[in-house]
Every structure is written in C-alpha cells, then in structure tokens.
C-alpha cells in the first residue's frame, strides 16, 4: 500500500512540475512582453485606432494585452512539451 502511495505522489509531483515548467515561463514572458509593448504603445491610442466603437479603459487595455501575451507564451510552452514528449518515444 505504501508503494502505491509513493507512486501516486511521484506522478503528482511530475504533473505539478510539468505545469510549473509550462505556466511560469509563459507568465514571465507575458510580463516582459507587456512592459516592452506598452512601453512604446499607449492602449487608449491603440483602442481608438483599431476598435473605436469599444469603450476600453487604459487599464483594460493593459489587462487584455497581458492575457493575450500570456496565451501566446502558454501555447508556445505547451507546444514545446508536446514536441519533447514526441521526441522521447522509442523508434
């Protein structure tokens, strides 16, 4: 019974490690991308030029941009995990 628990603990640890190595780097990339992007572009100016009929505040623009950057970073990290898993298969 103890070995089953140890096996489950090991599986849980690997799963949490996989989540951590996927989500955390994508979060950091989103933070850096947001600083670089919004350091050069004002969200209100971007909103007026691209979506004038939407009423989005400056803070809302920062939030939307951050989550978009985070989504792109997360997709990249997930793709890396998939490709790594495919590369570990025996031929």
Foldseek 3Di string as FASTA:
>chain_A
DVVVVVVVVVVVVVVVVLVCQQQVVLLVQLVVVLCVVCVVDQQVVVCCVPPVVDDADSVRSSVVSSVVSSVVSNVVSVVVVVVVVVVPDDD
